[in-house]
Amino acid sequence: MKSEAKALLKHYIEAWKLIPDGASFFTHSSLLQLVIDEGMPAMLKVPMERDEKWGWLLMVWWNGVGAAKVLKYNKEALLMERIASEHPSLTEMVKDGRDDEASKIICAVAKQLHMQRKQVPQELIPLTEWFKDLWPAAMKYGGVISQCAATAEKLLANQQDIRVLHGDLHHENILHSAKRGWLAIDPKRLIGERTFDFANIFCNPTKEIAVDKRRLRQQLKVIASAAQLDERHLLKWVIAWAGLSASWTLDEGSDASLAIGVAEIALRELRK
C-alpha cells in the first residue's frame, strides 16, 4: 500500500507540475507532501484508505467555505492550499486551559460546513450505514457497547435537521490559517442529523482530557449553547458515537478505553 502511494505521489508531482518542498510523510491513512504549485505553497495528499479516497468530494463542494480550499483533485490525489499559522492548535489551546474556546471554534467551523447548499453530492453515506458495525459489536461485546447501540438505534430511527456532515470533526481536523482563519480538513462523506457532527469533540483531544466527567458536563453546556442543540439530545449522540468508535477499536484488537470511558460517563450523566 505504501509503495503504491509513493508511486502515485511521484506521478502527480510530475503530472501537476509541482515542486516538492520537503520530505513526504505518512499518516495512518495517507501520504502527504508539502509542495509548491505555481509559486504558491500547497499540500499534496494521496489517500490510502477506501473512505479517505472520497475526501475530495466534500472539500470541493464546500469550495473553501469553512474548509481548506482544493486546488486540484481526483480519486487518487488531492492538492489543497497549505495551511500555515503561528496560532496555537486547538489541542494546545485545550491543554492550556482554553477548552471552552476551542469547542466554540469547532462549532463555528461546523456552522459554515452545515450551511444548506444546492446540488448535494450523491455519493454520501447515510448515518444508518455508517453505524452498521455497531450492531454486531453489541452482540459480540455486550455491556456498554449494547447500551450505546440501543441509544443509537433510537436516534437513527428519528433523525432531524438532516445535513451534509464532516463526519470526523475534532481538534486535529481543524487548523488555523493565517490568511483565512479556522478551516476543516479530512472529512468523511456522511449525511444525517446535524447533532452527530459534534459528538466526536467529547472523545478528543486526549484520553486524559476526554475521560474527565467534569469536562464532559462543561463541554456539553458549551457546545449545546454554541451549536444551538438540546443538551440531553447531544448527550445521546455522544453515547452513540462513543459506542461506534469503541466497536471499531475493539474489532481492531486495540485499546478502546478512551471511547468506552466517554460512553460510561455519558450514560451516567444521562441517567441523572
C-alpha atoms as a PDB file:
ATOM      1  CA  MET A   1       0.000   0.000   0.000  1.00  0.00           C
ATOM      2  CA  LYS A   2       2.787   2.436   0.898  1.00  0.00           C
ATOM      3  CA  SER A   3       4.756   1.626  -2.245  1.00  0.00           C
ATOM      4  CA  GLU A   4       1.655   2.250  -4.361  1.00  0.00           C
ATOM      5  CA  ALA A   5       1.076   5.567  -2.580  1.00  0.00           C
ATOM      6  CA  LYS A   6       4.676   6.606  -3.231  1.00  0.00           C
ATOM      7  CA  ALA A   7       4.280   5.803  -6.922  1.00  0.00           C
ATOM      8  CA  LEU A   8       1.093   7.873  -7.115  1.00  0.00           C
ATOM      9  CA  LEU A   9       2.754  10.732  -5.273  1.00  0.00           C
ATOM     10  CA  LYS A  10       5.578  10.787  -7.812  1.00  0.00           C
ATOM     11  CA  HIS A  11       3.095  10.607 -10.681  1.00  0.00           C
ATOM     12  CA  TYR A  12       1.025  13.577  -9.511  1.00  0.00           C
ATOM     13  CA  ILE A  13       4.043  15.702  -8.682  1.00  0.00           C
ATOM     14  CA  GLU A  14       5.047  15.302 -12.320  1.00  0.00           C
ATOM     15  CA  ALA A  15       1.536  15.446 -13.842  1.00  0.00           C
ATOM     16  CA  TRP A  16       0.540  18.582 -11.934  1.00  0.00           C
ATOM     17  CA  LYS A  17       3.988  20.173 -12.292  1.00  0.00           C
ATOM     18  CA  LEU A  18       4.561  20.512  -8.563  1.00  0.00           C
ATOM     19  CA  ILE A  19       7.826  21.252  -6.780  1.00  0.00           C
ATOM     20  CA  PRO A  20       8.454  19.203  -3.596  1.00  0.00           C
ATOM     21  CA  ASP A  21       9.019  21.443  -0.570  1.00  0.00           C
ATOM     22  CA  GLY A  22      10.435  18.984   1.952  1.00  0.00           C
ATOM     23  CA  ALA A  23      10.216  15.255   2.619  1.00  0.00           C
ATOM     24  CA  SER A  24       6.960  13.325   2.191  1.00  0.00           C
ATOM     25  CA  PHE A  25       5.443  11.677   5.258  1.00  0.00           C
ATOM     26  CA  PHE A  26       2.801   9.100   6.148  1.00  0.00           C
ATOM     27  CA  THR A  27      -0.153   9.470   8.487  1.00  0.00           C
ATOM     28  CA  HIS A  28      -2.331   6.491   9.491  1.00  0.00           C
ATOM     29  CA  SER A  29      -4.374   6.881   6.315  1.00  0.00           C
ATOM     30  CA  SER A  30      -2.484   8.980   3.762  1.00  0.00           C
ATOM     31  CA  LEU A  31       0.825  10.011   2.222  1.00  0.00           C
ATOM     32  CA  LEU A  32       1.422  13.767   2.359  1.00  0.00           C
ATOM     33  CA  GLN A  33       3.887  16.028   0.594  1.00  0.00           C
ATOM     34  CA  LEU A  34       4.466  19.762   1.002  1.00  0.00           C
ATOM     35  CA  VAL A  35       4.778  21.246  -2.480  1.00  0.00           C
ATOM     36  CA  ILE A  36       4.902  24.492  -4.422  1.00  0.00           C
ATOM     37  CA  ASP A  37       2.147  24.915  -7.011  1.00  0.00           C
ATOM     38  CA  GLU A  38       2.632  27.780  -9.462  1.00  0.00           C
ATOM     39  CA  GLY A  39       4.722  29.641  -6.889  1.00  0.00           C
ATOM     40  CA  MET A  40       2.259  29.080  -4.020  1.00  0.00           C
ATOM     41  CA  PRO A  41       2.663  26.687  -1.062  1.00  0.00           C
ATOM     42  CA  ALA A  42       0.298  23.714  -1.174  1.00  0.00           C
ATOM     43  CA  MET A  43      -0.212  20.206   0.252  1.00  0.00           C
ATOM     44  CA  LEU A  44      -0.448  17.078  -1.904  1.00  0.00           C
ATOM     45  CA  LYS A  45      -2.351  14.204  -0.313  1.00  0.00           C
ATOM     46  CA  VAL A  46      -2.515  10.615  -1.559  1.00  0.00           C
ATOM     47  CA  PRO A  47      -5.167   8.698   0.456  1.00  0.00           C
ATOM     48  CA  MET A  48      -4.506   5.034   1.230  1.00  0.00           C
ATOM     49  CA  GLU A  49      -7.819   4.007   2.825  1.00  0.00           C
ATOM     50  CA  ARG A  50     -11.013   3.495   0.807  1.00  0.00           C
ATOM     51  CA  ASP A  51     -13.105   6.103   2.625  1.00  0.00           C
ATOM     52  CA  GLU A  52     -10.248   8.616   2.591  1.00  0.00           C
ATOM     53  CA  LYS A  53     -10.234   8.487  -1.198  1.00  0.00           C
ATOM     54  CA  TRP A  54     -13.583  10.287  -1.193  1.00  0.00           C
ATOM     55  CA  GLY A  55     -12.291  13.211   0.881  1.00  0.00           C
ATOM     56  CA  TRP A  56     -12.107  15.438  -2.193  1.00  0.00           C
ATOM     57  CA  LEU A  57     -15.880  15.200  -2.659  1.00  0.00           C
ATOM     58  CA  LEU A  58     -16.893  17.446   0.232  1.00  0.00           C
ATOM     59  CA  MET A  59     -13.763  19.577   0.091  1.00  0.00           C
ATOM     60  CA  VAL A  60     -14.630  20.555  -3.470  1.00  0.00           C
ATOM     61  CA  TRP A  61     -18.318  21.021  -2.589  1.00  0.00           C
ATOM     62  CA  TRP A  62     -17.502  23.361   0.321  1.00  0.00           C
ATOM     63  CA  ASN A  63     -15.294  25.380  -2.056  1.00  0.00           C
ATOM     64  CA  GLY A  64     -13.139  26.811   0.728  1.00  0.00           C
ATOM     65  CA  VAL A  65     -16.036  27.908   2.959  1.00  0.00           C
ATOM     66  CA  GLY A  66     -15.062  26.644   6.415  1.00  0.00           C
ATOM     67  CA  ALA A  67     -12.613  24.181   4.879  1.00  0.00           C
ATOM     68  CA  ALA A  68      -9.245  24.125   3.167  1.00  0.00           C
ATOM     69  CA  LYS A  69      -9.544  25.092  -0.492  1.00  0.00           C
ATOM     70  CA  VAL A  70      -8.945  22.416  -3.122  1.00  0.00           C
ATOM     71  CA  LEU A  71      -6.625  23.349  -5.968  1.00  0.00           C
ATOM     72  CA  LYS A  72      -6.626  20.107  -7.988  1.00  0.00           C
ATOM     73  CA  TYR A  73      -8.208  16.732  -7.332  1.00  0.00           C
ATOM     74  CA  ASN A  74      -9.315  13.290  -8.426  1.00  0.00           C
ATOM     75  CA  LYS A  75      -9.988   9.992  -6.645  1.00  0.00           C
ATOM     76  CA  GLU A  76      -6.281   9.223  -6.332  1.00  0.00           C
ATOM     77  CA  ALA A  77      -4.864  12.535  -5.114  1.00  0.00           C
ATOM     78  CA  LEU A  78      -5.849  15.864  -3.651  1.00  0.00           C
ATOM     79  CA  LEU A  79      -3.942  19.152  -3.859  1.00  0.00           C
ATOM     80  CA  MET A  80      -5.013  21.662  -1.197  1.00  0.00           C
ATOM     81  CA  GLU A  81      -3.989  25.082  -0.020  1.00  0.00           C
ATOM     82  CA  ARG A  82      -1.285  24.790   2.605  1.00  0.00           C
ATOM     83  CA  ILE A  83      -2.497  25.981   5.994  1.00  0.00           C
ATOM     84  CA  ALA A  84       0.229  27.762   7.937  1.00  0.00           C
ATOM     85  CA  SER A  85      -0.103  29.763  11.147  1.00  0.00           C
ATOM     86  CA  GLU A  86       1.743  30.606  14.341  1.00  0.00           C
ATOM     87  CA  HIS A  87      -1.560  30.332  16.208  1.00  0.00           C
ATOM     88  CA  PRO A  88      -1.732  27.549  18.834  1.00  0.00           C
ATOM     89  CA  SER A  89      -3.568  24.430  17.664  1.00  0.00           C
ATOM     90  CA  LEU A  90      -6.919  23.563  19.208  1.00  0.00           C
ATOM     91  CA  THR A  91      -5.261  20.730  21.128  1.00  0.00           C
ATOM     92  CA  GLU A  92      -2.694  23.160  22.529  1.00  0.00           C
ATOM     93  CA  MET A  93      -5.491  25.535  23.481  1.00  0.00           C
ATOM     94  CA  VAL A  94      -7.297  22.809  25.423  1.00  0.00           C
ATOM     95  CA  LYS A  95      -4.111  21.798  27.242  1.00  0.00           C
ATOM     96  CA  ASP A  96      -3.601  25.478  28.076  1.00  0.00           C
ATOM     97  CA  GLY A  97      -6.984  25.642  29.833  1.00  0.00           C
ATOM     98  CA  ARG A  98      -8.930  27.104  26.901  1.00  0.00           C
ATOM     99  CA  ASP A  99     -11.231  24.126  26.295  1.00  0.00           C
ATOM    100  CA  ASP A 100     -14.386  26.231  26.059  1.00  0.00           C
ATOM    101  CA  GLU A 101     -12.798  28.485  23.439  1.00  0.00           C
ATOM    102  CA  ALA A 102     -11.623  25.518  21.381  1.00  0.00           C
ATOM    103  CA  SER A 103     -15.094  23.947  21.410  1.00  0.00           C
ATOM    104  CA  LYS A 104     -16.685  27.219  20.316  1.00  0.00           C
ATOM    105  CA  ILE A 105     -14.241  27.431  17.405  1.00  0.00           C
ATOM    106  CA  ILE A 106     -15.161  23.906  16.285  1.00  0.00           C
ATOM    107  CA  CYS A 107     -18.841  24.824  16.488  1.00  0.00           C
ATOM    108  CA  ALA A 108     -18.254  27.976  14.425  1.00  0.00           C
ATOM    109  CA  VAL A 109     -16.497  25.962  11.711  1.00  0.00           C
ATOM    110  CA  ALA A 110     -19.272  23.346  11.794  1.00  0.00           C
ATOM    111  CA  LYS A 111     -21.844  26.097  11.256  1.00  0.00           C
ATOM    112  CA  GLN A 112     -20.141  27.045   7.992  1.00  0.00           C
ATOM    113  CA  LEU A 113     -19.860  23.436   6.853  1.00  0.00           C
ATOM    114  CA  HIS A 114     -23.509  22.730   7.673  1.00  0.00           C
ATOM    115  CA  MET A 115     -24.902  25.624   5.652  1.00  0.00           C
ATOM    116  CA  GLN A 116     -27.570  24.488   3.201  1.00  0.00           C
ATOM    117  CA  ARG A 117     -26.264  24.469  -0.357  1.00  0.00           C
ATOM    118  CA  LYS A 118     -27.676  23.421  -3.701  1.00  0.00           C
ATOM    119  CA  GLN A 119     -26.768  20.226  -5.531  1.00  0.00           C
ATOM    120  CA  VAL A 120     -25.884  17.995  -2.591  1.00  0.00           C
ATOM    121  CA  PRO A 121     -23.363  15.321  -3.670  1.00  0.00           C
ATOM    122  CA  GLN A 122     -24.945  11.961  -4.466  1.00  0.00           C
ATOM    123  CA  GLU A 123     -22.123   9.748  -3.180  1.00  0.00           C
ATOM    124  CA  LEU A 124     -22.804  10.368   0.518  1.00  0.00           C
ATOM    125  CA  ILE A 125     -23.067   7.704   3.219  1.00  0.00           C
ATOM    126  CA  PRO A 126     -26.169   7.888   5.446  1.00  0.00           C
ATOM    127  CA  LEU A 127     -25.567   7.626   9.190  1.00  0.00           C
ATOM    128  CA  THR A 128     -27.627   4.441   9.253  1.00  0.00           C
ATOM    129  CA  GLU A 129     -24.957   2.859   7.043  1.00  0.00           C
ATOM    130  CA  TRP A 130     -22.068   4.455   8.955  1.00  0.00           C
ATOM    131  CA  PHE A 131     -23.286   2.833  12.187  1.00  0.00           C
ATOM    132  CA  LYS A 132     -23.689  -0.673  10.710  1.00  0.00           C
ATOM    133  CA  ASP A 133     -20.708  -2.120  12.616  1.00  0.00           C
ATOM    134  CA  LEU A 134     -22.230  -1.202  15.963  1.00  0.00           C
ATOM    135  CA  TRP A 135     -24.948  -3.884  15.927  1.00  0.00           C
ATOM    136  CA  PRO A 136     -22.658  -6.931  15.554  1.00  0.00           C
ATOM    137  CA  ALA A 137     -20.272  -5.349  18.067  1.00  0.00           C
ATOM    138  CA  ALA A 138     -23.111  -5.044  20.583  1.00  0.00           C
ATOM    139  CA  MET A 139     -23.848  -8.759  20.153  1.00  0.00           C
ATOM    140  CA  LYS A 140     -20.162  -9.633  20.453  1.00  0.00           C
ATOM    141  CA  TYR A 141     -19.056  -7.425  23.344  1.00  0.00           C
ATOM    142  CA  GLY A 142     -22.285  -6.626  25.204  1.00  0.00           C
ATOM    143  CA  GLY A 143     -22.119  -4.330  28.225  1.00  0.00           C
ATOM    144  CA  VAL A 144     -21.603  -0.668  27.494  1.00  0.00           C
ATOM    145  CA  ILE A 145     -21.496  -1.284  23.743  1.00  0.00           C
ATOM    146  CA  SER A 146     -25.014  -2.769  23.905  1.00  0.00           C
ATOM    147  CA  GLN A 147     -26.273   0.282  25.779  1.00  0.00           C
ATOM    148  CA  CYS A 148     -24.697   2.571  23.186  1.00  0.00           C
ATOM    149  CA  ALA A 149     -26.273   0.527  20.391  1.00  0.00           C
ATOM    150  CA  ALA A 150     -29.733   0.799  21.946  1.00  0.00           C
ATOM    151  CA  THR A 151     -29.346   4.584  22.138  1.00  0.00           C
ATOM    152  CA  ALA A 152     -28.020   4.795  18.574  1.00  0.00           C
ATOM    153  CA  GLU A 153     -30.898   2.728  17.214  1.00  0.00           C
ATOM    154  CA  LYS A 154     -33.478   5.192  18.553  1.00  0.00           C
ATOM    155  CA  LEU A 155     -31.542   8.226  17.351  1.00  0.00           C
ATOM    156  CA  LEU A 156     -31.026   6.880  13.842  1.00  0.00           C
ATOM    157  CA  ALA A 157     -34.702   5.997  13.506  1.00  0.00           C
ATOM    158  CA  ASN A 158     -35.744   9.550  14.403  1.00  0.00           C
ATOM    159  CA  GLN A 159     -33.166  11.854  12.826  1.00  0.00           C
ATOM    160  CA  GLN A 160     -33.890  15.546  12.484  1.00  0.00           C
ATOM    161  CA  ASP A 161     -32.217  18.561  10.852  1.00  0.00           C
ATOM    162  CA  ILE A 162     -30.520  16.461   8.164  1.00  0.00           C
ATOM    163  CA  ARG A 163     -27.313  17.969   6.779  1.00  0.00           C
ATOM    164  CA  VAL A 164     -24.199  17.029   4.869  1.00  0.00           C
ATOM    165  CA  LEU A 165     -21.734  16.129   7.639  1.00  0.00           C
ATOM    166  CA  HIS A 166     -17.994  16.401   8.048  1.00  0.00           C
ATOM    167  CA  GLY A 167     -18.113  13.110   9.945  1.00  0.00           C
ATOM    168  CA  ASP A 168     -14.848  13.471  11.850  1.00  0.00           C
ATOM    169  CA  LEU A 169     -14.863  16.909  13.458  1.00  0.00           C
ATOM    170  CA  HIS A 170     -12.292  17.117  16.221  1.00  0.00           C
ATOM    171  CA  HIS A 171      -9.383  19.234  17.375  1.00  0.00           C
ATOM    172  CA  GLU A 172      -6.770  17.868  14.949  1.00  0.00           C
ATOM    173  CA  ASN A 173      -9.008  18.201  11.883  1.00  0.00           C
ATOM    174  CA  ILE A 174      -9.454  21.952  12.229  1.00  0.00           C
ATOM    175  CA  LEU A 175      -6.372  24.058  11.502  1.00  0.00           C
ATOM    176  CA  HIS A 176      -5.707  27.773  11.702  1.00  0.00           C
ATOM    177  CA  SER A 177      -4.804  29.636   8.537  1.00  0.00           C
ATOM    178  CA  ALA A 178      -3.007  32.948   8.993  1.00  0.00           C
ATOM    179  CA  LYS A 179      -4.920  34.203   5.952  1.00  0.00           C
ATOM    180  CA  ARG A 180      -8.384  32.637   6.353  1.00  0.00           C
ATOM    181  CA  GLY A 181      -8.906  31.650   9.979  1.00  0.00           C
ATOM    182  CA  TRP A 182     -10.005  28.200  11.173  1.00  0.00           C
ATOM    183  CA  LEU A 183     -10.541  25.595   8.446  1.00  0.00           C
ATOM    184  CA  ALA A 184     -11.588  21.941   8.420  1.00  0.00           C
ATOM    185  CA  ILE A 185      -9.697  19.128   6.711  1.00  0.00           C
ATOM    186  CA  ASP A 186     -10.121  15.355   6.275  1.00  0.00           C
ATOM    187  CA  PRO A 187     -13.907  14.968   6.062  1.00  0.00           C
ATOM    188  CA  LYS A 188     -15.816  11.738   5.677  1.00  0.00           C
ATOM    189  CA  ARG A 189     -18.725  11.793   3.205  1.00  0.00           C
ATOM    190  CA  LEU A 190     -21.722  11.489   5.502  1.00  0.00           C
ATOM    191  CA  ILE A 191     -25.269  12.746   5.587  1.00  0.00           C
ATOM    192  CA  GLY A 192     -27.588  12.658   8.573  1.00  0.00           C
ATOM    193  CA  GLU A 193     -28.618  14.528  11.699  1.00  0.00           C
ATOM    194  CA  ARG A 194     -26.535  17.637  12.336  1.00  0.00           C
ATOM    195  CA  THR A 195     -26.044  16.815  16.023  1.00  0.00           C
ATOM    196  CA  PHE A 196     -23.860  13.821  15.157  1.00  0.00           C
ATOM    197  CA  ASP A 197     -21.043  16.067  13.946  1.00  0.00           C
ATOM    198  CA  PHE A 198     -20.449  17.429  17.456  1.00  0.00           C
ATOM    199  CA  ALA A 199     -20.178  14.094  19.284  1.00  0.00           C
ATOM    200  CA  ASN A 200     -16.526  13.392  18.473  1.00  0.00           C
ATOM    201  CA  ILE A 201     -15.408  16.583  20.232  1.00  0.00           C
ATOM    202  CA  PHE A 202     -16.071  14.769  23.515  1.00  0.00           C
ATOM    203  CA  CYS A 203     -13.651  11.944  22.637  1.00  0.00           C
ATOM    204  CA  ASN A 204     -10.829  14.414  21.966  1.00  0.00           C
ATOM    205  CA  PRO A 205      -8.202  15.774  22.092  1.00  0.00           C
ATOM    206  CA  THR A 206      -6.593  13.253  24.513  1.00  0.00           C
ATOM    207  CA  LYS A 207      -7.748  10.360  26.657  1.00  0.00           C
ATOM    208  CA  GLU A 208      -6.806  12.105  29.895  1.00  0.00           C
ATOM    209  CA  ILE A 209      -8.938  15.106  28.993  1.00  0.00           C
ATOM    210  CA  ALA A 210     -11.831  13.178  27.442  1.00  0.00           C
ATOM    211  CA  VAL A 211     -12.493  10.838  30.386  1.00  0.00           C
ATOM    212  CA  ASP A 212     -12.836  13.659  32.917  1.00  0.00           C
ATOM    213  CA  LYS A 213     -16.521  13.668  33.889  1.00  0.00           C
ATOM    214  CA  ARG A 214     -16.378  17.343  34.854  1.00  0.00           C
ATOM    215  CA  ARG A 215     -15.078  18.131  31.386  1.00  0.00           C
ATOM    216  CA  LEU A 216     -17.945  16.301  29.711  1.00  0.00           C
ATOM    217  CA  ARG A 217     -20.528  18.233  31.721  1.00  0.00           C
ATOM    218  CA  GLN A 218     -18.877  21.569  30.952  1.00  0.00           C
ATOM    219  CA  GLN A 219     -18.441  20.950  27.231  1.00  0.00           C
ATOM    220  CA  LEU A 220     -21.986  19.650  26.975  1.00  0.00           C
ATOM    221  CA  LYS A 221     -23.183  23.090  28.080  1.00  0.00           C
ATOM    222  CA  VAL A 222     -20.705  24.985  25.910  1.00  0.00           C
ATOM    223  CA  ILE A 223     -21.301  23.006  22.715  1.00  0.00           C
ATOM    224  CA  ALA A 224     -25.079  22.806  23.106  1.00  0.00           C
ATOM    225  CA  SER A 225     -25.217  26.570  23.512  1.00  0.00           C
ATOM    226  CA  ALA A 226     -22.776  27.368  20.688  1.00  0.00           C
ATOM    227  CA  ALA A 227     -24.401  24.938  18.230  1.00  0.00           C
ATOM    228  CA  GLN A 228     -27.980  25.556  19.389  1.00  0.00           C
ATOM    229  CA  LEU A 229     -28.619  21.961  20.426  1.00  0.00           C
ATOM    230  CA  ASP A 230     -30.558  20.310  23.231  1.00  0.00           C
ATOM    231  CA  GLU A 231     -28.085  19.121  25.879  1.00  0.00           C
ATOM    232  CA  ARG A 232     -29.662  15.727  26.563  1.00  0.00           C
ATOM    233  CA  HIS A 233     -30.141  15.022  22.870  1.00  0.00           C
ATOM    234  CA  LEU A 234     -26.488  15.862  22.240  1.00  0.00           C
ATOM    235  CA  LEU A 235     -25.529  13.600  25.137  1.00  0.00           C
ATOM    236  CA  LYS A 236     -27.329  10.697  23.460  1.00  0.00           C
ATOM    237  CA  TRP A 237     -25.362  11.242  20.255  1.00  0.00           C
ATOM    238  CA  VAL A 238     -22.146  11.268  22.301  1.00  0.00           C
ATOM    239  CA  ILE A 239     -23.151   7.853  23.683  1.00  0.00           C
ATOM    240  CA  ALA A 240     -23.955   6.537  20.204  1.00  0.00           C
ATOM    241  CA  TRP A 241     -20.700   7.796  18.688  1.00  0.00           C
ATOM    242  CA  ALA A 242     -18.551   6.590  21.585  1.00  0.00           C
ATOM    243  CA  GLY A 243     -20.062   3.125  21.182  1.00  0.00           C
ATOM    244  CA  LEU A 244     -19.347   3.062  17.454  1.00  0.00           C
ATOM    245  CA  SER A 245     -15.797   4.320  17.976  1.00  0.00           C
ATOM    246  CA  ALA A 246     -15.204   1.707  20.680  1.00  0.00           C
ATOM    247  CA  SER A 247     -16.582  -1.079  18.477  1.00  0.00           C
ATOM    248  CA  TRP A 248     -14.184  -0.201  15.652  1.00  0.00           C
ATOM    249  CA  THR A 249     -11.261  -0.086  18.073  1.00  0.00           C
ATOM    250  CA  LEU A 250     -12.190  -3.393  19.718  1.00  0.00           C
ATOM    251  CA  ASP A 251     -12.575  -5.073  16.344  1.00  0.00           C
ATOM    252  CA  GLU A 252      -9.031  -3.939  15.512  1.00  0.00           C
ATOM    253  CA  GLY A 253      -7.794  -5.541  18.743  1.00  0.00           C
ATOM    254  CA  SER A 254      -6.734  -2.166  20.153  1.00  0.00           C
ATOM    255  CA  ASP A 255      -7.340  -0.373  23.452  1.00  0.00           C
ATOM    256  CA  ALA A 256     -10.862   1.080  23.448  1.00  0.00           C
ATOM    257  CA  SER A 257     -10.713   2.509  26.968  1.00  0.00           C
ATOM    258  CA  LEU A 258     -10.987   6.113  25.739  1.00  0.00           C
ATOM    259  CA  ALA A 259     -14.272   5.665  23.859  1.00  0.00           C
ATOM    260  CA  ILE A 260     -15.667   3.255  26.461  1.00  0.00           C
ATOM    261  CA  GLY A 261     -14.733   5.704  29.214  1.00  0.00           C
ATOM    262  CA  VAL A 262     -16.558   8.548  27.480  1.00  0.00           C
ATOM    263  CA  ALA A 263     -19.580   6.291  26.887  1.00  0.00           C
ATOM    264  CA  GLU A 264     -19.717   5.289  30.556  1.00  0.00           C
ATOM    265  CA  ILE A 265     -19.517   8.898  31.745  1.00  0.00           C
ATOM    266  CA  ALA A 266     -22.180   9.988  29.266  1.00  0.00           C
ATOM    267  CA  LEU A 267     -24.507   7.112  30.189  1.00  0.00           C
ATOM    268  CA  ARG A 268     -24.240   8.020  33.881  1.00  0.00           C
ATOM    269  CA  GLU A 269     -24.918  11.651  33.060  1.00  0.00           C
ATOM    270  CA  LEU A 270     -27.983  10.688  31.022  1.00  0.00           C
ATOM    271  CA  ARG A 271     -29.462   8.782  33.966  1.00  0.00           C
ATOM    272  CA  LYS A 272     -29.477  11.893  36.164  1.00  0.00           C
END
